[in-house]
Amino acid sequence: MLPDEFPPNDDLLKPREVAELFGVRTTTIARWAREGRLSPLRTPGGHRRYSRASLRALLADARAADEPAAADDAVRLYEQGWSIRQVAQRFDVSYGTMRRLLLDRTTLRTRGGRLPGD
């Protein structure tokens, strides 16, 4: 892609910066690009860059997971023993998004499956 094909006056983010923004790993950003959830632009050197404008729709989807009814259901499933990953898949959001949602609303189990202090 030629430099003049980049959107004018639009900040282009590196995959690492996008990953930090969403609270996920860079491999997740690459997977989202393969799945079509993100549309990367290519630099003349072949590197992926993401425009802030293209991230708005994905951010809106992530915020949709914060809706109270969905959040209550997610907490209920987690407290019934579902893993964060299973709950995230159920609501079609990333692991990081679901972890933050649950962290705000309940006490997370340790890796051994116990609540802290047990």
C-alpha atoms as a PDB file:
ATOM      1  CA  MET A   1       0.000   0.000   0.000  1.00  0.00           C
ATOM      2  CA  LEU A   2       1.342   3.416  -0.886  1.00  0.00           C
ATOM      3  CA  PRO A   3       1.668   6.081   1.811  1.00  0.00           C
ATOM      4  CA  ASP A   4      -0.830   8.373   0.033  1.00  0.00           C
ATOM      5  CA  GLU A   5      -3.497   5.652   0.435  1.00  0.00           C
ATOM      6  CA  PHE A   6      -3.489   6.086   4.223  1.00  0.00           C
ATOM      7  CA  PRO A   7      -6.398   8.087   5.614  1.00  0.00           C
ATOM      8  CA  PRO A   8      -5.447  11.759   6.038  1.00  0.00           C
ATOM      9  CA  ASN A   9      -5.104  13.099   9.588  1.00  0.00           C
ATOM     10  CA  ASP A  10      -5.812   9.718  11.124  1.00  0.00           C
ATOM     11  CA  ASP A  11      -3.558   8.226  13.765  1.00  0.00           C
ATOM     12  CA  LEU A  12      -2.312   4.814  12.796  1.00  0.00           C
ATOM     13  CA  LEU A  13      -1.725   2.399  15.639  1.00  0.00           C
ATOM     14  CA  LYS A  14       0.686  -0.519  15.791  1.00  0.00           C
ATOM     15  CA  PRO A  15      -0.726  -3.930  16.738  1.00  0.00           C
ATOM     16  CA  ARG A  16       0.917  -3.589  20.158  1.00  0.00           C
ATOM     17  CA  GLU A  17      -0.891  -0.302  20.776  1.00  0.00           C
ATOM     18  CA  VAL A  18      -4.232  -1.785  19.709  1.00  0.00           C
ATOM     19  CA  ALA A  19      -3.631  -4.766  22.011  1.00  0.00           C
ATOM     20  CA  GLU A  20      -2.991  -2.422  24.940  1.00  0.00           C
ATOM     21  CA  LEU A  21      -6.134  -0.468  24.103  1.00  0.00           C
ATOM     22  CA  PHE A  22      -8.290  -3.607  24.256  1.00  0.00           C
ATOM     23  CA  GLY A  23      -6.380  -5.346  27.020  1.00  0.00           C
ATOM     24  CA  VAL A  24      -5.501  -8.372  24.889  1.00  0.00           C
ATOM     25  CA  ARG A  25      -2.365  -9.890  23.367  1.00  0.00           C
ATOM     26  CA  THR A  26      -1.005  -8.955  19.965  1.00  0.00           C
ATOM     27  CA  THR A  27      -1.832 -12.476  18.757  1.00  0.00           C
ATOM     28  CA  THR A  28      -5.485 -11.704  19.468  1.00  0.00           C
ATOM     29  CA  ILE A  29      -5.231  -8.580  17.295  1.00  0.00           C
ATOM     30  CA  ALA A  30      -3.757 -10.694  14.475  1.00  0.00           C
ATOM     31  CA  ARG A  31      -6.581 -13.244  14.870  1.00  0.00           C
ATOM     32  CA  TRP A  32      -9.225 -10.502  14.814  1.00  0.00           C
ATOM     33  CA  ALA A  33      -7.665  -9.204  11.586  1.00  0.00           C
ATOM     34  CA  ARG A  34      -7.786 -12.710  10.030  1.00  0.00           C
ATOM     35  CA  GLU A  35     -11.421 -13.073  11.123  1.00  0.00           C
ATOM     36  CA  GLY A  36     -12.299  -9.710   9.582  1.00  0.00           C
ATOM     37  CA  ARG A  37     -13.159  -8.003  12.873  1.00  0.00           C
ATOM     38  CA  LEU A  38     -10.323  -5.514  12.236  1.00  0.00           C
ATOM     39  CA  SER A  39      -9.134  -4.111   8.926  1.00  0.00           C
ATOM     40  CA  PRO A  40      -5.399  -3.440   8.956  1.00  0.00           C
ATOM     41  CA  LEU A  41      -3.680  -1.080   6.572  1.00  0.00           C
ATOM     42  CA  ARG A  42      -0.277  -2.101   5.235  1.00  0.00           C
ATOM     43  CA  THR A  43       2.741   0.165   5.304  1.00  0.00           C
ATOM     44  CA  PRO A  44       5.103   0.153   2.318  1.00  0.00           C
ATOM     45  CA  GLY A  45       7.250  -2.234   4.373  1.00  0.00           C
ATOM     46  CA  GLY A  46       4.329  -4.639   4.846  1.00  0.00           C
ATOM     47  CA  HIS A  47       3.652  -3.864   8.514  1.00  0.00           C
ATOM     48  CA  ARG A  48       0.074  -3.783   9.793  1.00  0.00           C
ATOM     49  CA  ARG A  49      -1.358  -0.527  11.113  1.00  0.00           C
ATOM     50  CA  TYR A  50      -4.854   0.182  12.380  1.00  0.00           C
ATOM     51  CA  SER A  51      -6.624   3.506  12.080  1.00  0.00           C
ATOM     52  CA  ARG A  52      -8.426   4.843  15.122  1.00  0.00           C
ATOM     53  CA  ALA A  53     -11.564   5.248  13.019  1.00  0.00           C
ATOM     54  CA  SER A  54     -11.606   1.546  12.147  1.00  0.00           C
ATOM     55  CA  LEU A  55     -11.417   0.634  15.834  1.00  0.00           C
ATOM     56  CA  ARG A  56     -14.579   2.521  16.816  1.00  0.00           C
ATOM     57  CA  ALA A  57     -16.980  -0.275  15.781  1.00  0.00           C
ATOM     58  CA  LEU A  58     -14.998  -2.890  17.667  1.00  0.00           C
ATOM     59  CA  LEU A  59     -14.908  -0.664  20.761  1.00  0.00           C
ATOM     60  CA  ALA A  60     -18.680  -0.263  20.503  1.00  0.00           C
ATOM     61  CA  ASP A  61     -19.045  -4.067  20.475  1.00  0.00           C
ATOM     62  CA  ALA A  62     -16.821  -4.356  23.530  1.00  0.00           C
ATOM     63  CA  ARG A  63     -18.888  -1.732  25.338  1.00  0.00           C
ATOM     64  CA  ALA A  64     -22.069  -3.628  24.472  1.00  0.00           C
ATOM     65  CA  ALA A  65     -20.826  -6.388  26.766  1.00  0.00           C
ATOM     66  CA  ASP A  66     -21.045  -3.865  29.601  1.00  0.00           C
ATOM     67  CA  GLU A  67     -24.838  -3.682  29.332  1.00  0.00           C
ATOM     68  CA  PRO A  68     -26.362  -4.428  32.757  1.00  0.00           C
ATOM     69  CA  ALA A  69     -28.500  -7.423  31.742  1.00  0.00           C
ATOM     70  CA  ALA A  70     -25.632  -9.121  29.923  1.00  0.00           C
ATOM     71  CA  ALA A  71     -23.278  -8.316  32.796  1.00  0.00           C
ATOM     72  CA  ASP A  72     -25.657  -9.854  35.339  1.00  0.00           C
ATOM     73  CA  ASP A  73     -25.929 -13.013  33.227  1.00  0.00           C
ATOM     74  CA  ALA A  74     -22.137 -13.183  32.842  1.00  0.00           C
ATOM     75  CA  VAL A  75     -21.617 -12.885  36.604  1.00  0.00           C
ATOM     76  CA  ARG A  76     -24.251 -15.555  37.250  1.00  0.00           C
ATOM     77  CA  LEU A  77     -22.583 -18.004  34.855  1.00  0.00           C
ATOM     78  CA  TYR A  78     -19.138 -17.310  36.314  1.00  0.00           C
ATOM     79  CA  GLU A  79     -20.416 -17.831  39.860  1.00  0.00           C
ATOM     80  CA  GLN A  80     -21.963 -21.138  38.736  1.00  0.00           C
ATOM     81  CA  GLY A  81     -18.470 -22.368  37.883  1.00  0.00           C
ATOM     82  CA  TRP A  82     -17.970 -21.352  34.267  1.00  0.00           C
ATOM     83  CA  SER A  83     -14.473 -20.143  33.400  1.00  0.00           C
ATOM     84  CA  ILE A  84     -13.883 -16.582  32.246  1.00  0.00           C
ATOM     85  CA  ARG A  85     -13.007 -17.942  28.799  1.00  0.00           C
ATOM     86  CA  GLN A  86     -16.272 -19.917  28.590  1.00  0.00           C
ATOM     87  CA  VAL A  87     -18.330 -16.890  29.640  1.00  0.00           C
ATOM     88  CA  ALA A  88     -16.473 -14.699  27.127  1.00  0.00           C
ATOM     89  CA  GLN A  89     -17.208 -17.178  24.334  1.00  0.00           C
ATOM     90  CA  ARG A  90     -20.867 -17.324  25.367  1.00  0.00           C
ATOM     91  CA  PHE A  91     -21.175 -13.540  25.012  1.00  0.00           C
ATOM     92  CA  ASP A  92     -18.832 -13.347  21.987  1.00  0.00           C
ATOM     93  CA  VAL A  93     -16.366 -10.936  23.584  1.00  0.00           C
ATOM     94  CA  SER A  94     -12.653 -11.169  24.244  1.00  0.00           C
ATOM     95  CA  TYR A  95     -11.230 -12.787  27.361  1.00  0.00           C
ATOM     96  CA  GLY A  96      -9.770  -9.441  28.490  1.00  0.00           C
ATOM     97  CA  THR A  97     -13.087  -7.639  28.119  1.00  0.00           C
ATOM     98  CA  MET A  98     -14.932 -10.325  30.075  1.00  0.00           C
ATOM     99  CA  ARG A  99     -12.275 -10.458  32.789  1.00  0.00           C
ATOM    100  CA  ARG A 100     -12.540  -6.684  33.316  1.00  0.00           C
ATOM    101  CA  LEU A 101     -16.352  -6.890  33.384  1.00  0.00           C
ATOM    102  CA  LEU A 102     -16.313  -9.690  35.985  1.00  0.00           C
ATOM    103  CA  LEU A 103     -13.554  -8.053  38.020  1.00  0.00           C
ATOM    104  CA  ASP A 104     -15.749  -4.970  38.436  1.00  0.00           C
ATOM    105  CA  ARG A 105     -18.740  -7.018  39.599  1.00  0.00           C
ATOM    106  CA  THR A 106     -17.526 -10.089  41.528  1.00  0.00           C
ATOM    107  CA  THR A 107     -14.540 -11.708  43.203  1.00  0.00           C
ATOM    108  CA  LEU A 108     -12.519 -13.757  40.745  1.00  0.00           C
ATOM    109  CA  ARG A 109     -11.370 -17.257  41.596  1.00  0.00           C
ATOM    110  CA  THR A 110      -7.681 -18.162  41.741  1.00  0.00           C
ATOM    111  CA  ARG A 111      -6.159 -20.464  39.145  1.00  0.00           C
ATOM    112  CA  GLY A 112      -6.867 -23.360  41.487  1.00  0.00           C
ATOM    113  CA  GLY A 113     -10.568 -22.528  41.359  1.00  0.00           C
ATOM    114  CA  ARG A 114     -10.830 -21.211  44.926  1.00  0.00           C
ATOM    115  CA  LEU A 115     -11.887 -17.804  46.085  1.00  0.00           C
ATOM    116  CA  PRO A 116      -9.124 -15.714  47.654  1.00  0.00           C
ATOM    117  CA  GLY A 117      -8.949 -16.345  51.409  1.00  0.00           C
ATOM    118  CA  ASP A 118     -10.355 -19.902  51.233  1.00  0.00           C
END
